[in-house]
Amino acid sequence: MICPNCQKEAPWVENKEKYGRNYGKSFMCYFCKPCGTYVGCHNNTKKPLGTMADKETMEWRQKVHAKIDPLWKSGEIPRGKIYRIITKALGLKKQYHTGYADIETCKKIMGLDLSTNLK
């Protein structure tokens, strides 16, 4: 995995390299320590959960999750449907996934009134 900031190889390491201890059952990640960019991996494989992100991008992705996760976690709407609504609202060709969102995409999602699209 190449760090998008410094263009150097980001090693595949345990997430304790970033957080000081391992978090979660899937604790492997790609982490560029000098830049602070990071992406977790699926089930401790080398398959990333999205794109590497710096601190600001991670903060925006967390804001998006804080907005959309309560909708599907409450059972109000299936998770796949909320992602399809976002995909359509943003005019994307591929299904939306927060792990691939840049800051501008996150800002657009934060501006969406998802409640009008739930029915």
PDB file of N, CA and C in Angstrom:
ATOM      1  N   MET A   1       0.860  -1.172   0.000  1.00  0.00           N
ATOM      2  CA  MET A   1       0.000   0.000   0.000  1.00  0.00           C
ATOM      3  C   MET A   1       0.905   1.234   0.000  1.00  0.00           C
ATOM      4  N   ILE A   2       0.592   2.169  -0.856  1.00  0.00           N
ATOM      5  CA  ILE A   2       1.365   3.397  -0.966  1.00  0.00           C
ATOM      6  C   ILE A   2       0.624   4.527  -0.247  1.00  0.00           C
ATOM      7  N   CYS A   3       1.346   5.252   0.585  1.00  0.00           N
ATOM      8  CA  CYS A   3       0.778   6.390   1.307  1.00  0.00           C
ATOM      9  C   CYS A   3       0.437   7.489   0.303  1.00  0.00           C
ATOM     10  N   PRO A   4      -0.789   8.003   0.330  1.00  0.00           N
ATOM     11  CA  PRO A   4      -1.170   9.054  -0.616  1.00  0.00           C
ATOM     12  C   PRO A   4      -0.483  10.396  -0.338  1.00  0.00           C
ATOM     13  N   ASN A   5       0.081  10.555   0.839  1.00  0.00           N
ATOM     14  CA  ASN A   5       0.741  11.820   1.170  1.00  0.00           C
ATOM     15  C   ASN A   5       2.206  11.845   0.770  1.00  0.00           C
ATOM     16  N   CYS A   6       2.977  10.816   1.164  1.00  0.00           N
ATOM     17  CA  CYS A   6       4.421  10.824   0.911  1.00  0.00           C
ATOM     18  C   CYS A   6       4.837   9.912  -0.241  1.00  0.00           C
ATOM     19  N   GLN A   7       3.892   9.117  -0.735  1.00  0.00           N
ATOM     20  CA  GLN A   7       4.146   8.198  -1.858  1.00  0.00           C
ATOM     21  C   GLN A   7       5.140   7.081  -1.512  1.00  0.00           C
ATOM     22  N   LYS A   8       5.330   6.829  -0.223  1.00  0.00           N
ATOM     23  CA  LYS A   8       6.203   5.735   0.209  1.00  0.00           C
ATOM     24  C   LYS A   8       5.348   4.553   0.647  1.00  0.00           C
ATOM     25  N   GLU A   9       5.970   3.405   0.730  1.00  0.00           N
ATOM     26  CA  GLU A   9       5.279   2.189   1.164  1.00  0.00           C
ATOM     27  C   GLU A   9       4.782   2.341   2.593  1.00  0.00           C
ATOM     28  N   ALA A  10       3.499   2.075   2.797  1.00  0.00           N
ATOM     29  CA  ALA A  10       2.915   2.066   4.144  1.00  0.00           C
ATOM     30  C   ALA A  10       2.887   0.616   4.603  1.00  0.00           C
ATOM     31  N   PRO A  11       3.583   0.280   5.664  1.00  0.00           N
ATOM     32  CA  PRO A  11       3.647  -1.120   6.082  1.00  0.00           C
ATOM     33  C   PRO A  11       2.319  -1.645   6.635  1.00  0.00           C
ATOM     34  N   TRP A  12       2.155  -2.952   6.491  1.00  0.00           N
ATOM     35  CA  TRP A  12       1.000  -3.668   7.045  1.00  0.00           C
ATOM     36  C   TRP A  12       1.387  -4.054   8.458  1.00  0.00           C
ATOM     37  N   VAL A  13       0.695  -3.504   9.442  1.00  0.00           N
ATOM     38  CA  VAL A  13       1.071  -3.678  10.844  1.00  0.00           C
ATOM     39  C   VAL A  13      -0.178  -3.876  11.706  1.00  0.00           C
ATOM     40  N   GLU A  14       0.040  -4.236  12.946  1.00  0.00           N
ATOM     41  CA  GLU A  14      -1.062  -4.277  13.910  1.00  0.00           C
ATOM     42  C   GLU A  14      -1.437  -2.841  14.257  1.00  0.00           C
ATOM     43  N   ASN A  15      -2.733  -2.594  14.516  1.00  0.00           N
ATOM     44  CA  ASN A  15      -3.159  -1.222  14.763  1.00  0.00           C
ATOM     45  C   ASN A  15      -2.630  -0.638  16.081  1.00  0.00           C
ATOM     46  N   LYS A  16      -1.956  -1.449  16.868  1.00  0.00           N
ATOM     47  CA  LYS A  16      -1.313  -0.914  18.069  1.00  0.00           C
ATOM     48  C   LYS A  16      -0.205   0.063  17.698  1.00  0.00           C
ATOM     49  N   GLU A  17       0.303  -0.038  16.466  1.00  0.00           N
ATOM     50  CA  GLU A  17       1.300   0.926  15.987  1.00  0.00           C
ATOM     51  C   GLU A  17       0.717   2.335  15.930  1.00  0.00           C
ATOM     52  N   LYS A  18      -0.573   2.421  15.695  1.00  0.00           N
ATOM     53  CA  LYS A  18      -1.252   3.725  15.632  1.00  0.00           C
ATOM     54  C   LYS A  18      -1.832   4.112  16.985  1.00  0.00           C
ATOM     55  N   TYR A  19      -2.480   3.160  17.656  1.00  0.00           N
ATOM     56  CA  TYR A  19      -3.265   3.473  18.854  1.00  0.00           C
ATOM     57  C   TYR A  19      -2.588   3.124  20.182  1.00  0.00           C
ATOM     58  N   GLY A  20      -1.461   2.420  20.140  1.00  0.00           N
ATOM     59  CA  GLY A  20      -0.787   2.043  21.376  1.00  0.00           C
ATOM     60  C   GLY A  20      -1.188   0.671  21.887  1.00  0.00           C
ATOM     61  N   ARG A  21      -2.308   0.157  21.419  1.00  0.00           N
ATOM     62  CA  ARG A  21      -2.751  -1.209  21.716  1.00  0.00           C
ATOM     63  C   ARG A  21      -3.663  -1.644  20.583  1.00  0.00           C
ATOM     64  N   ASN A  22      -3.857  -2.943  20.445  1.00  0.00           N
ATOM     65  CA  ASN A  22      -4.734  -3.441  19.386  1.00  0.00           C
ATOM     66  C   ASN A  22      -6.192  -3.212  19.740  1.00  0.00           C
ATOM     67  N   TYR A  23      -6.956  -2.799  18.720  1.00  0.00           N
ATOM     68  CA  TYR A  23      -8.393  -2.617  18.864  1.00  0.00           C
ATOM     69  C   TYR A  23      -9.107  -3.550  17.912  1.00  0.00           C
ATOM     70  N   GLY A  24     -10.167  -4.158  18.396  1.00  0.00           N
ATOM     71  CA  GLY A  24     -11.026  -4.984  17.568  1.00  0.00           C
ATOM     72  C   GLY A  24     -10.476  -6.360  17.261  1.00  0.00           C
ATOM     73  N   LYS A  25     -11.348  -7.185  16.683  1.00  0.00           N
ATOM     74  CA  LYS A  25     -10.956  -8.527  16.267  1.00  0.00           C
ATOM     75  C   LYS A  25     -10.073  -8.448  15.032  1.00  0.00           C
ATOM     76  N   SER A  26     -10.350  -7.475  14.182  1.00  0.00           N
ATOM     77  CA  SER A  26      -9.548  -7.258  12.987  1.00  0.00           C
ATOM     78  C   SER A  26      -8.631  -6.075  13.268  1.00  0.00           C
ATOM     79  N   PHE A  27      -7.397  -6.358  13.647  1.00  0.00           N
ATOM     80  CA  PHE A  27      -6.500  -5.315  14.123  1.00  0.00           C
ATOM     81  C   PHE A  27      -5.352  -5.009  13.165  1.00  0.00           C
ATOM     82  N   MET A  28      -5.340  -5.622  11.995  1.00  0.00           N
ATOM     83  CA  MET A  28      -4.272  -5.342  11.039  1.00  0.00           C
ATOM     84  C   MET A  28      -4.658  -4.131  10.181  1.00  0.00           C
ATOM     85  N   CYS A  29      -3.639  -3.369   9.789  1.00  0.00           N
ATOM     86  CA  CYS A  29      -3.882  -2.149   9.032  1.00  0.00           C
ATOM     87  C   CYS A  29      -2.645  -1.788   8.220  1.00  0.00           C
ATOM     88  N   TYR A  30      -2.826  -0.842   7.341  1.00  0.00           N
ATOM     89  CA  TYR A  30      -1.708  -0.192   6.670  1.00  0.00           C
ATOM     90  C   TYR A  30      -1.554   1.154   7.359  1.00  0.00           C
ATOM     91  N   PHE A  31      -0.343   1.461   7.791  1.00  0.00           N
ATOM     92  CA  PHE A  31      -0.119   2.680   8.566  1.00  0.00           C
ATOM     93  C   PHE A  31       1.207   3.319   8.180  1.00  0.00           C
ATOM     94  N   CYS A  32       1.133   4.556   7.723  1.00  0.00           N
ATOM     95  CA  CYS A  32       2.323   5.341   7.430  1.00  0.00           C
ATOM     96  C   CYS A  32       2.563   6.228   8.650  1.00  0.00           C
ATOM     97  N   LYS A  33       3.446   5.798   9.491  1.00  0.00           N
ATOM     98  CA  LYS A  33       3.692   6.498  10.752  1.00  0.00           C
ATOM     99  C   LYS A  33       4.135   7.951  10.551  1.00  0.00           C
ATOM    100  N   PRO A  34       5.039   8.250   9.624  1.00  0.00           N
ATOM    101  CA  PRO A  34       5.448   9.651   9.456  1.00  0.00           C
ATOM    102  C   PRO A  34       4.293  10.584   9.061  1.00  0.00           C
ATOM    103  N   CYS A  35       3.369  10.092   8.250  1.00  0.00           N
ATOM    104  CA  CYS A  35       2.252  10.922   7.772  1.00  0.00           C
ATOM    105  C   CYS A  35       0.994  10.772   8.623  1.00  0.00           C
ATOM    106  N   GLY A  36       0.901   9.666   9.348  1.00  0.00           N
ATOM    107  CA  GLY A  36      -0.296   9.391  10.136  1.00  0.00           C
ATOM    108  C   GLY A  36      -1.451   8.845   9.316  1.00  0.00           C
ATOM    109  N   THR A  37      -1.239   8.548   8.023  1.00  0.00           N
ATOM    110  CA  THR A  37      -2.308   7.981   7.215  1.00  0.00           C
ATOM    111  C   THR A  37      -2.496   6.518   7.573  1.00  0.00           C
ATOM    112  N   TYR A  38      -3.738   6.036   7.389  1.00  0.00           N
ATOM    113  CA  TYR A  38      -4.111   4.751   7.955  1.00  0.00           C
ATOM    114  C   TYR A  38      -5.302   4.185   7.195  1.00  0.00           C
ATOM    115  N   VAL A  39      -5.366   2.871   7.100  1.00  0.00           N
ATOM    116  CA  VAL A  39      -6.580   2.186   6.674  1.00  0.00           C
ATOM    117  C   VAL A  39      -6.579   0.805   7.324  1.00  0.00           C
ATOM    118  N   GLY A  40      -7.702   0.446   7.917  1.00  0.00           N
ATOM    119  CA  GLY A  40      -7.850  -0.880   8.500  1.00  0.00           C
ATOM    120  C   GLY A  40      -8.046  -1.920   7.409  1.00  0.00           C
ATOM    121  N   CYS A  41      -7.987  -3.185   7.812  1.00  0.00           N
ATOM    122  CA  CYS A  41      -8.117  -4.283   6.857  1.00  0.00           C
ATOM    123  C   CYS A  41      -9.238  -5.244   7.261  1.00  0.00           C
ATOM    124  N   HIS A  42      -9.816  -5.900   6.251  1.00  0.00           N
ATOM    125  CA  HIS A  42     -10.860  -6.898   6.456  1.00  0.00           C
ATOM    126  C   HIS A  42     -10.299  -8.127   7.163  1.00  0.00           C
ATOM    127  N   ASN A  43     -10.866  -8.476   8.300  1.00  0.00           N
ATOM    128  CA  ASN A  43     -10.580  -9.741   8.982  1.00  0.00           C
ATOM    129  C   ASN A  43      -9.104 -10.121   9.040  1.00  0.00           C
ATOM    130  N   ASN A  44      -8.252  -9.153   9.338  1.00  0.00           N
ATOM    131  CA  ASN A  44      -6.809  -9.362   9.463  1.00  0.00           C
ATOM    132  C   ASN A  44      -6.134  -9.851   8.184  1.00  0.00           C
ATOM    133  N   THR A  45      -6.805  -9.631   7.050  1.00  0.00           N
ATOM    134  CA  THR A  45      -6.172  -9.914   5.766  1.00  0.00           C
ATOM    135  C   THR A  45      -5.459  -8.642   5.309  1.00  0.00           C
ATOM    136  N   LYS A  46      -4.860  -8.697   4.157  1.00  0.00           N
ATOM    137  CA  LYS A  46      -4.211  -7.503   3.598  1.00  0.00           C
ATOM    138  C   LYS A  46      -5.169  -6.684   2.736  1.00  0.00           C
ATOM    139  N   LYS A  47      -6.461  -7.047   2.741  1.00  0.00           N
ATOM    140  CA  LYS A  47      -7.464  -6.324   1.952  1.00  0.00           C
ATOM    141  C   LYS A  47      -7.940  -5.095   2.737  1.00  0.00           C
ATOM    142  N   PRO A  48      -7.640  -3.889   2.233  1.00  0.00           N
ATOM    143  CA  PRO A  48      -8.027  -2.672   2.961  1.00  0.00           C
ATOM    144  C   PRO A  48      -9.536  -2.457   2.975  1.00  0.00           C
ATOM    145  N   LEU A  49     -10.004  -1.784   4.024  1.00  0.00           N
ATOM    146  CA  LEU A  49     -11.417  -1.447   4.173  1.00  0.00           C
ATOM    147  C   LEU A  49     -11.812  -0.220   3.361  1.00  0.00           C
ATOM    148  N   GLY A  50     -10.858   0.416   2.753  1.00  0.00           N
ATOM    149  CA  GLY A  50     -11.099   1.615   1.956  1.00  0.00           C
ATOM    150  C   GLY A  50      -9.774   2.168   1.494  1.00  0.00           C
ATOM    151  N   THR A  51      -9.681   3.487   1.490  1.00  0.00           N
ATOM    152  CA  THR A  51      -8.439   4.140   1.116  1.00  0.00           C
ATOM    153  C   THR A  51      -7.754   4.682   2.359  1.00  0.00           C
ATOM    154  N   MET A  52      -6.450   4.860   2.267  1.00  0.00           N
ATOM    155  CA  MET A  52      -5.714   5.439   3.392  1.00  0.00           C
ATOM    156  C   MET A  52      -6.201   6.867   3.601  1.00  0.00           C
ATOM    157  N   ALA A  53      -6.279   7.258   4.871  1.00  0.00           N
ATOM    158  CA  ALA A  53      -6.796   8.577   5.196  1.00  0.00           C
ATOM    159  C   ALA A  53      -5.946   9.237   6.262  1.00  0.00           C
ATOM    160  N   ASP A  54      -5.824  10.554   6.147  1.00  0.00           N
ATOM    161  CA  ASP A  54      -5.139  11.315   7.182  1.00  0.00           C
ATOM    162  C   ASP A  54      -6.132  11.662   8.287  1.00  0.00           C
ATOM    163  N   LYS A  55      -5.671  12.359   9.302  1.00  0.00           N
ATOM    164  CA  LYS A  55      -6.503  12.659  10.472  1.00  0.00           C
ATOM    165  C   LYS A  55      -7.774  13.416  10.090  1.00  0.00           C
ATOM    166  N   GLU A  56      -7.655  14.430   9.250  1.00  0.00           N
ATOM    167  CA  GLU A  56      -8.833  15.228   8.877  1.00  0.00           C
ATOM    168  C   GLU A  56      -9.851  14.395   8.107  1.00  0.00           C
ATOM    169  N   THR A  57      -9.372  13.586   7.178  1.00  0.00           N
ATOM    170  CA  THR A  57     -10.284  12.727   6.408  1.00  0.00           C
ATOM    171  C   THR A  57     -10.973  11.725   7.328  1.00  0.00           C
ATOM    172  N   MET A  58     -10.218  11.142   8.259  1.00  0.00           N
ATOM    173  CA  MET A  58     -10.822  10.198   9.217  1.00  0.00           C
ATOM    174  C   MET A  58     -11.899  10.882  10.056  1.00  0.00           C
ATOM    175  N   GLU A  59     -11.651  12.117  10.457  1.00  0.00           N
ATOM    176  CA  GLU A  59     -12.640  12.846  11.254  1.00  0.00           C
ATOM    177  C   GLU A  59     -13.918  13.078  10.459  1.00  0.00           C
ATOM    178  N   TRP A  60     -13.785  13.423   9.175  1.00  0.00           N
ATOM    179  CA  TRP A  60     -14.979  13.611   8.336  1.00  0.00           C
ATOM    180  C   TRP A  60     -15.717  12.290   8.120  1.00  0.00           C
ATOM    181  N   ARG A  61     -14.985  11.216   7.914  1.00  0.00           N
ATOM    182  CA  ARG A  61     -15.632   9.906   7.755  1.00  0.00           C
ATOM    183  C   ARG A  61     -16.386   9.520   9.031  1.00  0.00           C
ATOM    184  N   GLN A  62     -15.820   9.846  10.180  1.00  0.00           N
ATOM    185  CA  GLN A  62     -16.501   9.559  11.448  1.00  0.00           C
ATOM    186  C   GLN A  62     -17.791  10.374  11.576  1.00  0.00           C
ATOM    187  N   LYS A  63     -17.773  11.613  11.106  1.00  0.00           N
ATOM    188  CA  LYS A  63     -18.990  12.440  11.122  1.00  0.00           C
ATOM    189  C   LYS A  63     -20.076  11.807  10.256  1.00  0.00           C
ATOM    190  N   VAL A  64     -19.683  11.320   9.085  1.00  0.00           N
ATOM    191  CA  VAL A  64     -20.644  10.663   8.193  1.00  0.00           C
ATOM    192  C   VAL A  64     -21.231   9.439   8.882  1.00  0.00           C
ATOM    193  N   HIS A  65     -20.377   8.622   9.492  1.00  0.00           N
ATOM    194  CA  HIS A  65     -20.888   7.434  10.191  1.00  0.00           C
ATOM    195  C   HIS A  65     -21.830   7.836  11.330  1.00  0.00           C
ATOM    196  N   ALA A  66     -21.522   8.909  12.028  1.00  0.00           N
ATOM    197  CA  ALA A  66     -22.395   9.367  13.111  1.00  0.00           C
ATOM    198  C   ALA A  66     -23.753   9.792  12.571  1.00  0.00           C
ATOM    199  N   LYS A  67     -23.795  10.225  11.330  1.00  0.00           N
ATOM    200  CA  LYS A  67     -25.063  10.629  10.713  1.00  0.00           C
ATOM    201  C   LYS A  67     -25.854   9.432  10.193  1.00  0.00           C
ATOM    202  N   ILE A  68     -25.175   8.513   9.504  1.00  0.00           N
ATOM    203  CA  ILE A  68     -25.920   7.442   8.835  1.00  0.00           C
ATOM    204  C   ILE A  68     -26.072   6.164   9.647  1.00  0.00           C
ATOM    205  N   ASP A  69     -25.139   5.856  10.513  1.00  0.00           N
ATOM    206  CA  ASP A  69     -25.213   4.590  11.252  1.00  0.00           C
ATOM    207  C   ASP A  69     -26.454   4.452  12.127  1.00  0.00           C
ATOM    208  N   PRO A  70     -26.894   5.517  12.820  1.00  0.00           N
ATOM    209  CA  PRO A  70     -28.105   5.353  13.638  1.00  0.00           C
ATOM    210  C   PRO A  70     -29.337   4.948  12.821  1.00  0.00           C
ATOM    211  N   LEU A  71     -29.379   5.347  11.548  1.00  0.00           N
ATOM    212  CA  LEU A  71     -30.528   5.000  10.703  1.00  0.00           C
ATOM    213  C   LEU A  71     -30.638   3.499  10.484  1.00  0.00           C
ATOM    214  N   TRP A  72     -29.513   2.849  10.163  1.00  0.00           N
ATOM    215  CA  TRP A  72     -29.600   1.412   9.914  1.00  0.00           C
ATOM    216  C   TRP A  72     -29.470   0.596  11.191  1.00  0.00           C
ATOM    217  N   LYS A  73     -28.735   1.102  12.183  1.00  0.00           N
ATOM    218  CA  LYS A  73     -28.598   0.354  13.437  1.00  0.00           C
ATOM    219  C   LYS A  73     -29.910   0.303  14.213  1.00  0.00           C
ATOM    220  N   SER A  74     -30.753   1.302  14.027  1.00  0.00           N
ATOM    221  CA  SER A  74     -32.044   1.340  14.708  1.00  0.00           C
ATOM    222  C   SER A  74     -33.069   0.425  14.036  1.00  0.00           C
ATOM    223  N   GLY A  75     -32.744  -0.022  12.832  1.00  0.00           N
ATOM    224  CA  GLY A  75     -33.686  -0.839  12.084  1.00  0.00           C
ATOM    225  C   GLY A  75     -34.638   0.002  11.256  1.00  0.00           C
ATOM    226  N   GLU A  76     -34.473   1.318  11.312  1.00  0.00           N
ATOM    227  CA  GLU A  76     -35.340   2.234  10.568  1.00  0.00           C
ATOM    228  C   GLU A  76     -35.238   2.010   9.063  1.00  0.00           C
ATOM    229  N   ILE A  77     -34.040   1.677   8.616  1.00  0.00           N
ATOM    230  CA  ILE A  77     -33.792   1.475   7.191  1.00  0.00           C
ATOM    231  C   ILE A  77     -32.644   0.477   7.045  1.00  0.00           C
ATOM    232  N   PRO A  78     -32.718  -0.438   6.094  1.00  0.00           N
ATOM    233  CA  PRO A  78     -31.609  -1.371   5.903  1.00  0.00           C
ATOM    234  C   PRO A  78     -30.332  -0.630   5.493  1.00  0.00           C
ATOM    235  N   ARG A  79     -29.209  -1.131   5.933  1.00  0.00           N
ATOM    236  CA  ARG A  79     -27.920  -0.501   5.658  1.00  0.00           C
ATOM    237  C   ARG A  79     -27.686  -0.328   4.155  1.00  0.00           C
ATOM    238  N   GLY A  80     -27.978  -1.369   3.394  1.00  0.00           N
ATOM    239  CA  GLY A  80     -27.782  -1.291   1.943  1.00  0.00           C
ATOM    240  C   GLY A  80     -28.602  -0.183   1.309  1.00  0.00           C
ATOM    241  N   LYS A  81     -29.802   0.036   1.818  1.00  0.00           N
ATOM    242  CA  LYS A  81     -30.662   1.073   1.240  1.00  0.00           C
ATOM    243  C   LYS A  81     -30.095   2.462   1.495  1.00  0.00           C
ATOM    244  N   ILE A  82     -29.587   2.711   2.686  1.00  0.00           N
ATOM    245  CA  ILE A  82     -29.014   4.029   2.973  1.00  0.00           C
ATOM    246  C   ILE A  82     -27.823   4.291   2.058  1.00  0.00           C
ATOM    247  N   TYR A  83     -27.030   3.261   1.791  1.00  0.00           N
ATOM    248  CA  TYR A  83     -25.891   3.429   0.889  1.00  0.00           C
ATOM    249  C   TYR A  83     -26.361   3.645  -0.547  1.00  0.00           C
ATOM    250  N   ARG A  84     -27.450   2.998  -0.953  1.00  0.00           N
ATOM    251  CA  ARG A  84     -27.998   3.221  -2.297  1.00  0.00           C
ATOM    252  C   ARG A  84     -28.555   4.639  -2.423  1.00  0.00           C
ATOM    253  N   ILE A  85     -29.201   5.140  -1.368  1.00  0.00           N
ATOM    254  CA  ILE A  85     -29.722   6.514  -1.372  1.00  0.00           C
ATOM    255  C   ILE A  85     -28.573   7.510  -1.542  1.00  0.00           C
ATOM    256  N   ILE A  86     -27.498   7.301  -0.800  1.00  0.00           N
ATOM    257  CA  ILE A  86     -26.339   8.194  -0.900  1.00  0.00           C
ATOM    258  C   ILE A  86     -25.713   8.100  -2.290  1.00  0.00           C
ATOM    259  N   THR A  87     -25.584   6.886  -2.812  1.00  0.00           N
ATOM    260  CA  THR A  87     -25.019   6.693  -4.144  1.00  0.00           C
ATOM    261  C   THR A  87     -25.807   7.482  -5.180  1.00  0.00           C
ATOM    262  N   LYS A  88     -27.114   7.376  -5.116  1.00  0.00           N
ATOM    263  CA  LYS A  88     -27.982   8.080  -6.070  1.00  0.00           C
ATOM    264  C   LYS A  88     -27.896   9.592  -5.866  1.00  0.00           C
ATOM    265  N   ALA A  89     -27.950  10.036  -4.626  1.00  0.00           N
ATOM    266  CA  ALA A  89     -27.917  11.473  -4.338  1.00  0.00           C
ATOM    267  C   ALA A  89     -26.617  12.119  -4.817  1.00  0.00           C
ATOM    268  N   LEU A  90     -25.520  11.375  -4.759  1.00  0.00           N
ATOM    269  CA  LEU A  90     -24.229  11.902  -5.186  1.00  0.00           C
ATOM    270  C   LEU A  90     -23.968  11.668  -6.676  1.00  0.00           C
ATOM    271  N   GLY A  91     -24.843  10.892  -7.321  1.00  0.00           N
ATOM    272  CA  GLY A  91     -24.674  10.606  -8.743  1.00  0.00           C
ATOM    273  C   GLY A  91     -23.470   9.723  -9.034  1.00  0.00           C
ATOM    274  N   LEU A  92     -23.180   8.808  -8.128  1.00  0.00           N
ATOM    275  CA  LEU A  92     -22.025   7.933  -8.287  1.00  0.00           C
ATOM    276  C   LEU A  92     -22.352   6.743  -9.180  1.00  0.00           C
ATOM    277  N   LYS A  93     -21.361   6.253  -9.901  1.00  0.00           N
ATOM    278  CA  LYS A  93     -21.539   5.075 -10.748  1.00  0.00           C
ATOM    279  C   LYS A  93     -21.360   3.793  -9.949  1.00  0.00           C
ATOM    280  N   LYS A  94     -20.457   3.817  -8.949  1.00  0.00           N
ATOM    281  CA  LYS A  94     -20.244   2.664  -8.073  1.00  0.00           C
ATOM    282  C   LYS A  94     -20.903   2.955  -6.730  1.00  0.00           C
ATOM    283  N   GLN A  95     -21.329   1.891  -6.041  1.00  0.00           N
ATOM    284  CA  GLN A  95     -21.990   2.088  -4.750  1.00  0.00           C
ATOM    285  C   GLN A  95     -21.082   2.806  -3.768  1.00  0.00           C
ATOM    286  N   TYR A  96     -21.655   3.769  -3.091  1.00  0.00           N
ATOM    287  CA  TYR A  96     -20.948   4.555  -2.088  1.00  0.00           C
ATOM    288  C   TYR A  96     -20.479   3.677  -0.933  1.00  0.00           C
ATOM    289  N   HIS A  97     -19.278   3.985  -0.422  1.00  0.00           N
ATOM    290  CA  HIS A  97     -18.769   3.365   0.799  1.00  0.00           C
ATOM    291  C   HIS A  97     -17.949   4.425   1.516  1.00  0.00           C
ATOM    292  N   THR A  98     -18.209   4.632   2.787  1.00  0.00           N
ATOM    293  CA  THR A  98     -17.542   5.683   3.555  1.00  0.00           C
ATOM    294  C   THR A  98     -16.029   5.520   3.562  1.00  0.00           C
ATOM    295  N   GLY A  99     -15.540   4.304   3.543  1.00  0.00           N
ATOM    296  CA  GLY A  99     -14.106   4.056   3.569  1.00  0.00           C
ATOM    297  C   GLY A  99     -13.356   4.567   2.348  1.00  0.00           C
ATOM    298  N   TYR A 100     -14.097   4.945   1.310  1.00  0.00           N
ATOM    299  CA  TYR A 100     -13.485   5.482   0.099  1.00  0.00           C
ATOM    300  C   TYR A 100     -13.758   6.976  -0.063  1.00  0.00           C
ATOM    301  N   ALA A 101     -14.501   7.555   0.848  1.00  0.00           N
ATOM    302  CA  ALA A 101     -14.913   8.953   0.723  1.00  0.00           C
ATOM    303  C   ALA A 101     -13.779   9.915   1.056  1.00  0.00           C
ATOM    304  N   ASP A 102     -13.652  10.948   0.223  1.00  0.00           N
ATOM    305  CA  ASP A 102     -12.725  12.028   0.538  1.00  0.00           C
ATOM    306  C   ASP A 102     -13.492  13.093   1.329  1.00  0.00           C
ATOM    307  N   ILE A 103     -12.807  14.141   1.723  1.00  0.00           N
ATOM    308  CA  ILE A 103     -13.424  15.169   2.566  1.00  0.00           C
ATOM    309  C   ILE A 103     -14.594  15.844   1.849  1.00  0.00           C
ATOM    310  N   GLU A 104     -14.427  16.163   0.587  1.00  0.00           N
ATOM    311  CA  GLU A 104     -15.507  16.842  -0.149  1.00  0.00           C
ATOM    312  C   GLU A 104     -16.757  15.969  -0.235  1.00  0.00           C
ATOM    313  N   THR A 105     -16.571  14.675  -0.465  1.00  0.00           N
ATOM    314  CA  THR A 105     -17.717  13.761  -0.503  1.00  0.00           C
ATOM    315  C   THR A 105     -18.398  13.705   0.862  1.00  0.00           C
ATOM    316  N   CYS A 106     -17.608  13.651   1.913  1.00  0.00           N
ATOM    317  CA  CYS A 106     -18.171  13.638   3.264  1.00  0.00           C
ATOM    318  C   CYS A 106     -18.986  14.900   3.536  1.00  0.00           C
ATOM    319  N   LYS A 107     -18.471  16.042   3.107  1.00  0.00           N
ATOM    320  CA  LYS A 107     -19.192  17.313   3.301  1.00  0.00           C
ATOM    321  C   LYS A 107     -20.528  17.292   2.563  1.00  0.00           C
ATOM    322  N   LYS A 108     -20.535  16.738   1.356  1.00  0.00           N
ATOM    323  CA  LYS A 108     -21.785  16.626   0.594  1.00  0.00           C
ATOM    324  C   LYS A 108     -22.792  15.755   1.332  1.00  0.00           C
ATOM    325  N   ILE A 109     -22.333  14.639   1.875  1.00  0.00           N
ATOM    326  CA  ILE A 109     -23.229  13.736   2.606  1.00  0.00           C
ATOM    327  C   ILE A 109     -23.784  14.423   3.849  1.00  0.00           C
ATOM    328  N   MET A 110     -22.934  15.158   4.529  1.00  0.00           N
ATOM    329  CA  MET A 110     -23.392  15.864   5.729  1.00  0.00           C
ATOM    330  C   MET A 110     -24.474  16.888   5.388  1.00  0.00           C
ATOM    331  N   GLY A 111     -24.461  17.386   4.160  1.00  0.00           N
ATOM    332  CA  GLY A 111     -25.468  18.346   3.725  1.00  0.00           C
ATOM    333  C   GLY A 111     -26.748  17.719   3.197  1.00  0.00           C
ATOM    334  N   LEU A 112     -26.759  16.407   3.022  1.00  0.00           N
ATOM    335  CA  LEU A 112     -27.952  15.722   2.505  1.00  0.00           C
ATOM    336  C   LEU A 112     -29.023  15.607   3.577  1.00  0.00           C
ATOM    337  N   ASP A 113     -30.272  15.786   3.166  1.00  0.00           N
ATOM    338  CA  ASP A 113     -31.397  15.515   4.062  1.00  0.00           C
ATOM    339  C   ASP A 113     -31.863  14.100   3.735  1.00  0.00           C
ATOM    340  N   LEU A 114     -31.293  13.136   4.432  1.00  0.00           N
ATOM    341  CA  LEU A 114     -31.583  11.732   4.144  1.00  0.00           C
ATOM    342  C   LEU A 114     -32.990  11.330   4.545  1.00  0.00           C
ATOM    343  N   SER A 115     -33.575  12.034   5.486  1.00  0.00           N
ATOM    344  CA  SER A 115     -34.906  11.651   5.982  1.00  0.00           C
ATOM    345  C   SER A 115     -35.961  11.739   4.892  1.00  0.00           C
ATOM    346  N   THR A 116     -35.785  12.631   3.910  1.00  0.00           N
ATOM    347  CA  THR A 116     -36.769  12.766   2.838  1.00  0.00           C
ATOM    348  C   THR A 116     -36.676  11.630   1.844  1.00  0.00           C
ATOM    349  N   ASN A 117     -35.587  10.896   1.855  1.00  0.00           N
ATOM    350  CA  ASN A 117     -35.374   9.802   0.914  1.00  0.00           C
ATOM    351  C   ASN A 117     -35.617   8.424   1.504  1.00  0.00           C
ATOM    352  N   LEU A 118     -36.052   8.371   2.745  1.00  0.00           N
ATOM    353  CA  LEU A 118     -36.171   7.078   3.411  1.00  0.00           C
ATOM    354  C   LEU A 118     -37.386   6.274   2.995  1.00  0.00           C
ATOM    355  N   LYS A 119     -38.363   6.892   2.476  1.00  0.00           N
ATOM    356  CA  LYS A 119     -39.598   6.176   2.169  1.00  0.00           C
ATOM    357  C   LYS A 119     -39.601   5.591   0.781  1.00  0.00           C
TER     358      LYS A 119
END
